[in-house]
Amino acid sequence: MKKPLTPLESATFSTIVDTQHESNGWLDLTRVCSRTARHLGDVRQAVARLARYGLVLIDEEAPNTERWIKFSIPE
């Protein structure tokens, strides 16, 4: 059984869904940091957990940086 999302994971996922249409598949992690008052490292870990849960797909071929991650949401 999967663990429920933490508040940070939930807020991160909400930001991803809310901004998906305007971001062309790129997530600005500092936007999540601003919304959640969390550090960049914490947000990166939350995104990694969302990817492990299968809620977000990370494009490993894209030139991801500390601030930007190319993603998609599974159908």
PDB file of N, CA and C in Angstrom:
ATOM      1  N   MET A   1       0.831  -1.177   0.000  1.00  0.00           N
ATOM      2  CA  MET A   1       0.000   0.000   0.000  1.00  0.00           C
ATOM      3  C   MET A   1       0.882   1.249   0.000  1.00  0.00           C
ATOM      4  N   LYS A   2       0.548   2.202  -0.867  1.00  0.00           N
ATOM      5  CA  LYS A   2       1.331   3.425  -0.943  1.00  0.00           C
ATOM      6  C   LYS A   2       1.048   4.325   0.246  1.00  0.00           C
ATOM      7  N   LYS A   3       2.088   5.032   0.668  1.00  0.00           N
ATOM      8  CA  LYS A   3       1.921   6.012   1.730  1.00  0.00           C
ATOM      9  C   LYS A   3       1.197   7.223   1.168  1.00  0.00           C
ATOM     10  N   PRO A   4       0.411   7.912   1.993  1.00  0.00           N
ATOM     11  CA  PRO A   4      -0.223   9.142   1.519  1.00  0.00           C
ATOM     12  C   PRO A   4       0.841  10.205   1.235  1.00  0.00           C
ATOM     13  N   LEU A   5       0.511  11.148   0.364  1.00  0.00           N
ATOM     14  CA  LEU A   5       1.445  12.221   0.047  1.00  0.00           C
ATOM     15  C   LEU A   5       1.654  13.115   1.264  1.00  0.00           C
ATOM     16  N   THR A   6       2.879  13.562   1.422  1.00  0.00           N
ATOM     17  CA  THR A   6       3.166  14.543   2.467  1.00  0.00           C
ATOM     18  C   THR A   6       2.598  15.886   2.020  1.00  0.00           C
ATOM     19  N   PRO A   7       2.476  16.836   2.935  1.00  0.00           N
ATOM     20  CA  PRO A   7       2.001  18.164   2.522  1.00  0.00           C
ATOM     21  C   PRO A   7       2.870  18.787   1.415  1.00  0.00           C
ATOM     22  N   LEU A   8       4.186  18.601   1.492  1.00  0.00           N
ATOM     23  CA  LEU A   8       5.066  19.147   0.458  1.00  0.00           C
ATOM     24  C   LEU A   8       4.841  18.449  -0.884  1.00  0.00           C
ATOM     25  N   GLU A   9       4.720  17.128  -0.862  1.00  0.00           N
ATOM     26  CA  GLU A   9       4.465  16.389  -2.101  1.00  0.00           C
ATOM     27  C   GLU A   9       3.129  16.807  -2.711  1.00  0.00           C
ATOM     28  N   SER A  10       2.135  16.963  -1.881  1.00  0.00           N
ATOM     29  CA  SER A  10       0.821  17.380  -2.348  1.00  0.00           C
ATOM     30  C   SER A  10       0.869  18.779  -2.959  1.00  0.00           C
ATOM     31  N   ALA A  11       1.536  19.704  -2.296  1.00  0.00           N
ATOM     32  CA  ALA A  11       1.661  21.069  -2.815  1.00  0.00           C
ATOM     33  C   ALA A  11       2.480  21.087  -4.103  1.00  0.00           C
ATOM     34  N   THR A  12       3.506  20.267  -4.171  1.00  0.00           N
ATOM     35  CA  THR A  12       4.324  20.187  -5.376  1.00  0.00           C
ATOM     36  C   THR A  12       3.508  19.649  -6.537  1.00  0.00           C
ATOM     37  N   PHE A  13       2.758  18.581  -6.293  1.00  0.00           N
ATOM     38  CA  PHE A  13       1.923  18.000  -7.344  1.00  0.00           C
ATOM     39  C   PHE A  13       0.861  18.998  -7.797  1.00  0.00           C
ATOM     40  N   SER A  14       0.269  19.713  -6.866  1.00  0.00           N
ATOM     41  CA  SER A  14      -0.725  20.727  -7.220  1.00  0.00           C
ATOM     42  C   SER A  14      -0.119  21.813  -8.105  1.00  0.00           C
ATOM     43  N   THR A  15       1.077  22.244  -7.772  1.00  0.00           N
ATOM     44  CA  THR A  15       1.755  23.254  -8.583  1.00  0.00           C
ATOM     45  C   THR A  15       2.034  22.719  -9.983  1.00  0.00           C
ATOM     46  N   ILE A  16       2.462  21.479 -10.066  1.00  0.00           N
ATOM     47  CA  ILE A  16       2.733  20.868 -11.371  1.00  0.00           C
ATOM     48  C   ILE A  16       1.462  20.850 -12.215  1.00  0.00           C
ATOM     49  N   VAL A  17       0.379  20.401 -11.636  1.00  0.00           N
ATOM     50  CA  VAL A  17      -0.889  20.310 -12.370  1.00  0.00           C
ATOM     51  C   VAL A  17      -1.392  21.708 -12.747  1.00  0.00           C
ATOM     52  N   ASP A  18      -1.295  22.657 -11.815  1.00  0.00           N
ATOM     53  CA  ASP A  18      -1.786  24.015 -12.049  1.00  0.00           C
ATOM     54  C   ASP A  18      -1.013  24.745 -13.143  1.00  0.00           C
ATOM     55  N   THR A  19       0.275  24.467 -13.265  1.00  0.00           N
ATOM     56  CA  THR A  19       1.108  25.217 -14.206  1.00  0.00           C
ATOM     57  C   THR A  19       1.455  24.433 -15.465  1.00  0.00           C
ATOM     58  N   GLN A  20       0.975  23.219 -15.564  1.00  0.00           N
ATOM     59  CA  GLN A  20       1.326  22.358 -16.691  1.00  0.00           C
ATOM     60  C   GLN A  20       0.996  23.010 -18.037  1.00  0.00           C
ATOM     61  N   HIS A  21      -0.151  23.643 -18.142  1.00  0.00           N
ATOM     62  CA  HIS A  21      -0.588  24.219 -19.407  1.00  0.00           C
ATOM     63  C   HIS A  21       0.251  25.413 -19.856  1.00  0.00           C
ATOM     64  N   GLU A  22       0.907  26.095 -18.931  1.00  0.00           N
ATOM     65  CA  GLU A  22       1.684  27.278 -19.288  1.00  0.00           C
ATOM     66  C   GLU A  22       3.185  27.025 -19.328  1.00  0.00           C
ATOM     67  N   SER A  23       3.608  25.851 -18.935  1.00  0.00           N
ATOM     68  CA  SER A  23       5.046  25.617 -18.779  1.00  0.00           C
ATOM     69  C   SER A  23       5.662  24.784 -19.887  1.00  0.00           C
ATOM     70  N   ASN A  24       4.848  24.276 -20.803  1.00  0.00           N
ATOM     71  CA  ASN A  24       5.355  23.464 -21.906  1.00  0.00           C
ATOM     72  C   ASN A  24       6.170  22.273 -21.400  1.00  0.00           C
ATOM     73  N   GLY A  25       5.759  21.722 -20.262  1.00  0.00           N
ATOM     74  CA  GLY A  25       6.424  20.542 -19.725  1.00  0.00           C
ATOM     75  C   GLY A  25       7.622  20.815 -18.846  1.00  0.00           C
ATOM     76  N   TRP A  26       7.908  22.070 -18.552  1.00  0.00           N
ATOM     77  CA  TRP A  26       9.030  22.413 -17.685  1.00  0.00           C
ATOM     78  C   TRP A  26       8.511  22.887 -16.339  1.00  0.00           C
ATOM     79  N   LEU A  27       9.089  22.371 -15.277  1.00  0.00           N
ATOM     80  CA  LEU A  27       8.727  22.767 -13.922  1.00  0.00           C
ATOM     81  C   LEU A  27       9.826  23.651 -13.346  1.00  0.00           C
ATOM     82  N   ASP A  28       9.464  24.857 -12.946  1.00  0.00           N
ATOM     83  CA  ASP A  28      10.376  25.766 -12.265  1.00  0.00           C
ATOM     84  C   ASP A  28      10.271  25.465 -10.774  1.00  0.00           C
ATOM     85  N   LEU A  29      11.260  24.802 -10.244  1.00  0.00           N
ATOM     86  CA  LEU A  29      11.215  24.383  -8.847  1.00  0.00           C
ATOM     87  C   LEU A  29      11.180  25.567  -7.883  1.00  0.00           C
ATOM     88  N   THR A  30      11.711  26.710  -8.286  1.00  0.00           N
ATOM     89  CA  THR A  30      11.672  27.864  -7.395  1.00  0.00           C
ATOM     90  C   THR A  30      10.239  28.368  -7.221  1.00  0.00           C
ATOM     91  N   ARG A  31       9.384  28.086  -8.183  1.00  0.00           N
ATOM     92  CA  ARG A  31       7.968  28.447  -8.048  1.00  0.00           C
ATOM     93  C   ARG A  31       7.337  27.634  -6.903  1.00  0.00           C
ATOM     94  N   VAL A  32       7.692  26.364  -6.831  1.00  0.00           N
ATOM     95  CA  VAL A  32       7.200  25.520  -5.737  1.00  0.00           C
ATOM     96  C   VAL A  32       7.799  26.004  -4.418  1.00  0.00           C
ATOM     97  N   CYS A  33       9.068  26.358  -4.444  1.00  0.00           N
ATOM     98  CA  CYS A  33       9.718  26.876  -3.225  1.00  0.00           C
ATOM     99  C   CYS A  33       8.981  28.108  -2.709  1.00  0.00           C
ATOM    100  N   SER A  34       8.610  28.987  -3.606  1.00  0.00           N
ATOM    101  CA  SER A  34       7.893  30.205  -3.209  1.00  0.00           C
ATOM    102  C   SER A  34       6.530  29.881  -2.624  1.00  0.00           C
ATOM    103  N   ARG A  35       5.838  28.934  -3.213  1.00  0.00           N
ATOM    104  CA  ARG A  35       4.492  28.580  -2.730  1.00  0.00           C
ATOM    105  C   ARG A  35       4.519  27.833  -1.405  1.00  0.00           C
ATOM    106  N   THR A  36       5.584  27.089  -1.155  1.00  0.00           N
ATOM    107  CA  THR A  36       5.610  26.221   0.019  1.00  0.00           C
ATOM    108  C   THR A  36       6.573  26.691   1.111  1.00  0.00           C
ATOM    109  N   ALA A  37       7.383  27.688   0.816  1.00  0.00           N
ATOM    110  CA  ALA A  37       8.406  28.173   1.760  1.00  0.00           C
ATOM    111  C   ALA A  37       9.387  27.069   2.135  1.00  0.00           C
ATOM    112  N   ARG A  38       9.706  26.223   1.171  1.00  0.00           N
ATOM    113  CA  ARG A  38      10.667  25.137   1.393  1.00  0.00           C
ATOM    114  C   ARG A  38      11.894  25.358   0.523  1.00  0.00           C
ATOM    115  N   HIS A  39      12.998  24.740   0.914  1.00  0.00           N
ATOM    116  CA  HIS A  39      14.254  24.869   0.181  1.00  0.00           C
ATOM    117  C   HIS A  39      14.226  24.047  -1.109  1.00  0.00           C
ATOM    118  N   LEU A  40      15.065  24.448  -2.040  1.00  0.00           N
ATOM    119  CA  LEU A  40      15.132  23.798  -3.341  1.00  0.00           C
ATOM    120  C   LEU A  40      15.418  22.302  -3.215  1.00  0.00           C
ATOM    121  N   GLY A  41      16.310  21.919  -2.334  1.00  0.00           N
ATOM    122  CA  GLY A  41      16.633  20.503  -2.145  1.00  0.00           C
ATOM    123  C   GLY A  41      15.432  19.686  -1.691  1.00  0.00           C
ATOM    124  N   ASP A  42      14.635  20.256  -0.809  1.00  0.00           N
ATOM    125  CA  ASP A  42      13.424  19.576  -0.335  1.00  0.00           C
ATOM    126  C   ASP A  42      12.435  19.376  -1.480  1.00  0.00           C
ATOM    127  N   VAL A  43      12.287  20.408  -2.303  1.00  0.00           N
ATOM    128  CA  VAL A  43      11.353  20.332  -3.427  1.00  0.00           C
ATOM    129  C   VAL A  43      11.841  19.312  -4.447  1.00  0.00           C
ATOM    130  N   ARG A  44      13.138  19.289  -4.713  1.00  0.00           N
ATOM    131  CA  ARG A  44      13.689  18.293  -5.657  1.00  0.00           C
ATOM    132  C   ARG A  44      13.413  16.876  -5.152  1.00  0.00           C
ATOM    133  N   GLN A  45      13.553  16.646  -3.858  1.00  0.00           N
ATOM    134  CA  GLN A  45      13.262  15.327  -3.288  1.00  0.00           C
ATOM    135  C   GLN A  45      11.784  14.992  -3.418  1.00  0.00           C
ATOM    136  N   ALA A  46      10.915  15.973  -3.223  1.00  0.00           N
ATOM    137  CA  ALA A  46       9.473  15.747  -3.362  1.00  0.00           C
ATOM    138  C   ALA A  46       9.129  15.358  -4.794  1.00  0.00           C
ATOM    139  N   VAL A  47       9.743  16.028  -5.772  1.00  0.00           N
ATOM    140  CA  VAL A  47       9.506  15.687  -7.179  1.00  0.00           C
ATOM    141  C   VAL A  47      10.006  14.267  -7.462  1.00  0.00           C
ATOM    142  N   ALA A  48      11.155  13.917  -6.915  1.00  0.00           N
ATOM    143  CA  ALA A  48      11.689  12.566  -7.111  1.00  0.00           C
ATOM    144  C   ALA A  48      10.742  11.516  -6.531  1.00  0.00           C
ATOM    145  N   ARG A  49      10.159  11.799  -5.370  1.00  0.00           N
ATOM    146  CA  ARG A  49       9.204  10.859  -4.780  1.00  0.00           C
ATOM    147  C   ARG A  49       7.941  10.758  -5.636  1.00  0.00           C
ATOM    148  N   LEU A  50       7.459  11.895  -6.163  1.00  0.00           N
ATOM    149  CA  LEU A  50       6.295  11.863  -7.043  1.00  0.00           C
ATOM    150  C   LEU A  50       6.578  11.014  -8.280  1.00  0.00           C
ATOM    151  N   ALA A  51       7.802  11.098  -8.776  1.00  0.00           N
ATOM    152  CA  ALA A  51       8.187  10.275  -9.932  1.00  0.00           C
ATOM    153  C   ALA A  51       8.207   8.797  -9.542  1.00  0.00           C
ATOM    154  N   ARG A  52       8.726   8.477  -8.362  1.00  0.00           N
ATOM    155  CA  ARG A  52       8.733   7.078  -7.909  1.00  0.00           C
ATOM    156  C   ARG A  52       7.315   6.549  -7.729  1.00  0.00           C
ATOM    157  N   TYR A  53       6.401   7.412  -7.280  1.00  0.00           N
ATOM    158  CA  TYR A  53       5.002   7.017  -7.109  1.00  0.00           C
ATOM    159  C   TYR A  53       4.283   6.889  -8.446  1.00  0.00           C
ATOM    160  N   GLY A  54       4.907   7.355  -9.526  1.00  0.00           N
ATOM    161  CA  GLY A  54       4.295   7.266 -10.850  1.00  0.00           C
ATOM    162  C   GLY A  54       3.322   8.395 -11.154  1.00  0.00           C
ATOM    163  N   LEU A  55       3.332   9.444 -10.349  1.00  0.00           N
ATOM    164  CA  LEU A  55       2.432  10.574 -10.583  1.00  0.00           C
ATOM    165  C   LEU A  55       2.998  11.575 -11.587  1.00  0.00           C
ATOM    166  N   VAL A  56       4.316  11.583 -11.730  1.00  0.00           N
ATOM    167  CA  VAL A  56       5.013  12.492 -12.631  1.00  0.00           C
ATOM    168  C   VAL A  56       6.086  11.688 -13.351  1.00  0.00           C
ATOM    169  N   LEU A  57       6.251  11.946 -14.642  1.00  0.00           N
ATOM    170  CA  LEU A  57       7.334  11.326 -15.404  1.00  0.00           C
ATOM    171  C   LEU A  57       8.390  12.386 -15.667  1.00  0.00           C
ATOM    172  N   ILE A  58       9.630  12.104 -15.285  1.00  0.00           N
ATOM    173  CA  ILE A  58      10.743  13.021 -15.500  1.00  0.00           C
ATOM    174  C   ILE A  58      11.431  12.641 -16.804  1.00  0.00           C
ATOM    175  N   ASP A  59      11.654  13.627 -17.662  1.00  0.00           N
ATOM    176  CA  ASP A  59      12.345  13.404 -18.930  1.00  0.00           C
ATOM    177  C   ASP A  59      13.849  13.421 -18.658  1.00  0.00           C
ATOM    178  N   GLU A  60      14.432  12.255 -18.564  1.00  0.00           N
ATOM    179  CA  GLU A  60      15.863  12.136 -18.244  1.00  0.00           C
ATOM    180  C   GLU A  60      16.752  12.576 -19.405  1.00  0.00           C
ATOM    181  N   GLU A  61      16.193  12.648 -20.613  1.00  0.00           N
ATOM    182  CA  GLU A  61      16.946  13.068 -21.801  1.00  0.00           C
ATOM    183  C   GLU A  61      17.075  14.593 -21.883  1.00  0.00           C
ATOM    184  N   ALA A  62      16.182  15.305 -21.223  1.00  0.00           N
ATOM    185  CA  ALA A  62      16.182  16.772 -21.267  1.00  0.00           C
ATOM    186  C   ALA A  62      17.329  17.328 -20.430  1.00  0.00           C
ATOM    187  N   PRO A  63      17.780  18.527 -20.771  1.00  0.00           N
ATOM    188  CA  PRO A  63      18.874  19.150 -20.002  1.00  0.00           C
ATOM    189  C   PRO A  63      18.362  19.744 -18.686  1.00  0.00           C
ATOM    190  N   ASN A  64      17.961  18.877 -17.756  1.00  0.00           N
ATOM    191  CA  ASN A  64      17.454  19.319 -16.459  1.00  0.00           C
ATOM    192  C   ASN A  64      18.560  20.017 -15.676  1.00  0.00           C
ATOM    193  N   THR A  65      18.173  21.003 -14.874  1.00  0.00           N
ATOM    194  CA  THR A  65      19.126  21.737 -14.040  1.00  0.00           C
ATOM    195  C   THR A  65      18.656  21.671 -12.592  1.00  0.00           C
ATOM    196  N   GLU A  66      19.358  22.360 -11.714  1.00  0.00           N
ATOM    197  CA  GLU A  66      18.929  22.418 -10.315  1.00  0.00           C
ATOM    198  C   GLU A  66      17.562  23.077 -10.190  1.00  0.00           C
ATOM    199  N   ARG A  67      17.265  24.029 -11.078  1.00  0.00           N
ATOM    200  CA  ARG A  67      16.031  24.799 -10.976  1.00  0.00           C
ATOM    201  C   ARG A  67      14.918  24.273 -11.880  1.00  0.00           C
ATOM    202  N   TRP A  68      15.246  23.709 -13.011  1.00  0.00           N
ATOM    203  CA  TRP A  68      14.254  23.310 -14.009  1.00  0.00           C
ATOM    204  C   TRP A  68      14.269  21.807 -14.241  1.00  0.00           C
ATOM    205  N   ILE A  69      13.069  21.216 -14.321  1.00  0.00           N
ATOM    206  CA  ILE A  69      12.927  19.788 -14.615  1.00  0.00           C
ATOM    207  C   ILE A  69      11.863  19.639 -15.701  1.00  0.00           C
ATOM    208  N   LYS A  70      12.184  18.875 -16.724  1.00  0.00           N
ATOM    209  CA  LYS A  70      11.232  18.578 -17.795  1.00  0.00           C
ATOM    210  C   LYS A  70      10.402  17.382 -17.334  1.00  0.00           C
ATOM    211  N   PHE A  71       9.083  17.511 -17.405  1.00  0.00           N
ATOM    212  CA  PHE A  71       8.208  16.484 -16.870  1.00  0.00           C
ATOM    213  C   PHE A  71       7.005  16.269 -17.774  1.00  0.00           C
ATOM    214  N   SER A  72       6.280  15.223 -17.487  1.00  0.00           N
ATOM    215  CA  SER A  72       4.954  15.018 -18.065  1.00  0.00           C
ATOM    216  C   SER A  72       4.126  14.279 -17.010  1.00  0.00           C
ATOM    217  N   ILE A  73       2.828  14.358 -17.193  1.00  0.00           N
ATOM    218  CA  ILE A  73       1.909  13.685 -16.281  1.00  0.00           C
ATOM    219  C   ILE A  73       1.381  12.466 -17.034  1.00  0.00           C
ATOM    220  N   PRO A  74       1.472  11.279 -16.438  1.00  0.00           N
ATOM    221  CA  PRO A  74       0.978  10.081 -17.125  1.00  0.00           C
ATOM    222  C   PRO A  74      -0.517  10.204 -17.444  1.00  0.00           C
ATOM    223  N   GLU A  75      -0.902   9.618 -18.546  1.00  0.00           N
ATOM    224  CA  GLU A  75      -2.312   9.645 -18.965  1.00  0.00           C
ATOM    225  C   GLU A  75      -3.162   8.780 -18.060  1.00  0.00           C
TER     226      GLU A  75
END
